[in-house]
C-alpha cells in the first residue's frame, strides 16, 4: 500500500495545474452537533470532499478535524451546507498559552483543557519576563543548580 499510495499521490500532484495544488494540512472546525443524526450528516458531508485523507468528528468537543489536501473555506462551506452552525476552531490547548487568564483568552464555553487563541495570551520569547522564566527552567542546560 505504501508504494502504490505514494505513486498515486505523485501522479495526481503532477496532473493538477500548479494553482490548484493545496498543501496537506489539518483543518479544525467547531460544529454544533446535538445528536447522532447530526454527527452522521457532518460525516457524510466531509467524506464526499475531494482530497480528504482522514477525518474525526467529536460530538463531545463539538469539533470536526479534517486532514488532507483540502481548503479550510471549502470544508467550512460543506459543513455549513448541512444546516449546522459552524465556524473555525477558535481554541488552543491550555498548556500552550503563556497567560491563559488574560482578558479574552479564558472562555467558559470552551471545552475542558482549551482557551481562546488570542495574540496577547502568548508572550514574546525575547521579553525580559520570558528570559527570567527560562533562567530556572529544568529544560535549560544553564539553569541555576541550587534549585
Protein backbone atom coordinates (compact mmCIF):
# COMPACT_ATOMS: atom_id res chain seq x y z
CA UNK A 1 0.00 0.00 0.00
CA UNK A 2 2.82 2.41 0.79
CA UNK A 3 4.49 2.45 -2.61
CA UNK A 4 1.25 2.41 -4.59
CA UNK A 5 -0.27 5.11 -2.38
CA UNK A 6 2.78 7.34 -2.86
CA UNK A 7 2.75 6.68 -6.60
CA UNK A 8 -0.92 7.64 -6.82
CA UNK A 9 -0.27 10.86 -4.84
CA UNK A 10 2.65 11.72 -7.11
CA UNK A 11 0.62 11.10 -10.25
CA UNK A 12 -2.32 13.17 -9.01
CA UNK A 13 0.02 16.01 -7.97
CA UNK A 14 1.69 16.06 -11.39
CA UNK A 15 -1.61 16.13 -13.27
CA UNK A 16 -3.09 19.09 -11.38
CA UNK A 17 -2.28 22.62 -12.52
CA UNK A 18 0.06 24.43 -10.13
CA UNK A 19 -2.54 26.95 -8.96
CA UNK A 20 -4.93 24.14 -7.91
CA UNK A 21 -2.50 22.33 -5.59
CA UNK A 22 -3.33 22.69 -1.93
CA UNK A 23 -0.75 21.70 0.72
CA UNK A 24 -1.60 18.90 3.11
CA UNK A 25 -2.94 20.27 6.37
CA UNK A 26 -5.37 19.68 9.21
CA UNK A 27 -8.49 21.85 9.40
CA UNK A 28 -10.38 22.10 12.69
CA UNK A 29 -13.97 23.34 12.71
CA UNK A 30 -16.38 23.90 15.59
CA UNK A 31 -19.82 22.48 14.74
CA UNK A 32 -22.96 22.49 16.87
CA UNK A 33 -23.98 18.80 17.00
CA UNK A 34 -26.77 17.64 19.31
CA UNK A 35 -27.38 14.01 18.36
CA UNK A 36 -26.06 11.05 16.37
CA UNK A 37 -28.08 12.22 13.35
CA UNK A 38 -26.14 15.49 13.33
CA UNK A 39 -22.87 13.57 13.53
CA UNK A 40 -23.89 11.36 10.57
CA UNK A 41 -24.83 14.41 8.46
CA UNK A 42 -21.47 16.04 9.12
CA UNK A 43 -19.55 12.79 8.46
CA UNK A 44 -21.34 12.31 5.15
CA UNK A 45 -20.60 15.90 4.10
CA UNK A 46 -16.89 15.61 4.96
CA UNK A 47 -16.49 12.17 3.31
CA UNK A 48 -17.51 13.43 -0.12
CA UNK A 49 -14.94 16.25 -0.18
CA UNK A 50 -12.08 15.75 -2.61
CA UNK A 51 -8.61 15.44 -1.06
CA UNK A 52 -9.72 14.23 2.39
CA UNK A 53 -7.38 11.57 3.77
CA UNK A 54 -8.86 11.24 7.25
CA UNK A 55 -11.36 12.98 9.47
CA UNK A 56 -12.58 12.86 13.05
CA UNK A 57 -16.00 14.04 14.23
CA UNK A 58 -16.05 14.55 18.01
CA UNK A 59 -19.53 15.29 19.35
CA UNK A 60 -18.33 15.88 22.91
CA UNK A 61 -15.89 18.64 21.89
CA UNK A 62 -18.20 19.82 19.04
CA UNK A 63 -15.18 19.61 16.71
CA UNK A 64 -14.53 18.23 13.25
CA UNK A 65 -10.88 17.63 12.26
CA UNK A 66 -10.15 17.03 8.59
CA UNK A 67 -6.67 16.05 7.35
CA UNK A 68 -5.70 16.08 3.71
CA UNK A 69 -5.26 18.26 0.67
CA UNK A 70 -8.26 20.46 1.40
CA UNK A 71 -9.01 24.15 1.68
CA UNK A 72 -10.37 25.38 5.03
CA UNK A 73 -13.05 27.51 3.34
CA UNK A 74 -14.31 24.56 1.29
CA UNK A 75 -14.58 22.35 4.37
CA UNK A 76 -16.39 25.07 6.29
CA UNK A 77 -18.85 25.68 3.43
CA UNK A 78 -19.53 21.96 3.06
CA UNK A 79 -20.24 21.55 6.77
CA UNK A 80 -22.49 24.63 6.74
CA UNK A 81 -24.41 23.17 3.79
CA UNK A 82 -25.75 20.51 6.18
CA UNK A 83 -27.64 23.24 8.05
CA UNK A 84 -25.37 23.15 11.10
CA UNK A 85 -23.83 26.19 12.74
CA UNK A 86 -20.09 26.03 12.04
CA UNK A 87 -17.04 28.26 12.33
CA UNK A 88 -13.27 27.88 12.56
CA UNK A 89 -11.92 26.26 15.73
CA UNK A 90 -11.00 29.25 17.95
CA UNK A 91 -9.31 27.33 20.79
CA UNK A 92 -5.79 26.16 21.63
CA UNK A 93 -4.69 23.74 24.37
CA UNK A 94 -4.38 25.38 27.77
CA UNK A 95 -0.76 24.29 28.27
CA UNK A 96 0.45 26.01 25.07
CA UNK A 97 -0.58 29.51 26.21
CA UNK A 98 1.67 31.58 28.49
CA UNK A 99 -1.11 33.70 30.03
CA UNK A 100 -4.35 31.65 29.88
CA UNK A 101 -6.36 34.03 32.09
CA UNK A 102 -5.66 37.24 30.18
CA UNK A 103 -8.76 39.16 29.10
CA UNK A 104 -10.39 37.44 26.15
CA UNK A 105 -8.50 34.14 26.43
CA UNK A 106 -10.48 32.40 29.15
CA UNK A 107 -13.88 31.29 27.88
CA UNK A 108 -16.48 29.44 29.94
CA UNK A 109 -17.90 27.85 26.77
CA UNK A 110 -14.52 26.42 25.75
CA UNK A 111 -14.06 22.64 26.07
CA UNK A 112 -12.13 21.37 29.04
CA UNK A 113 -8.39 22.00 28.64
CA UNK A 114 -8.77 24.69 25.96
CA UNK A 115 -8.67 28.51 25.91
CA UNK A 116 -9.32 31.02 23.12
CA UNK A 117 -6.48 31.73 20.73
CA UNK A 118 -5.78 35.44 21.30
CA UNK A 119 -2.48 37.13 20.43
CA UNK A 120 -1.89 38.82 23.80
CA UNK A 121 -2.13 35.47 25.67
CA UNK A 122 1.21 34.40 24.18
CA UNK A 123 4.35 36.07 25.47
CA UNK A 124 7.19 37.29 23.31
CA UNK A 125 10.14 34.88 23.78
CA UNK A 126 12.58 37.81 23.75
CA UNK A 127 10.80 39.69 26.56
CA UNK A 128 12.57 40.07 29.93
CA UNK A 129 9.81 38.15 31.73
CA UNK A 130 10.30 35.10 29.50
CA UNK A 131 14.08 35.26 29.94
CA UNK A 132 13.62 35.20 33.72
CA UNK A 133 11.19 32.31 33.48
CA UNK A 134 13.69 30.31 31.40
CA UNK A 135 16.50 31.07 33.86
CA UNK A 136 15.24 28.50 36.38
CA UNK A 137 13.65 26.08 33.91
CA UNK A 138 14.69 22.42 34.17
CA UNK A 139 14.94 22.17 30.38
CA UNK A 140 17.53 24.95 30.31
CA UNK A 141 21.03 23.35 30.47
CA UNK A 142 22.48 26.53 32.03
CA UNK A 143 19.86 26.83 34.78
CA UNK A 144 20.69 27.51 38.39
CA UNK A 145 21.95 24.32 40.07
CA UNK A 146 20.77 25.47 43.54
CA UNK A 147 17.18 24.76 42.61
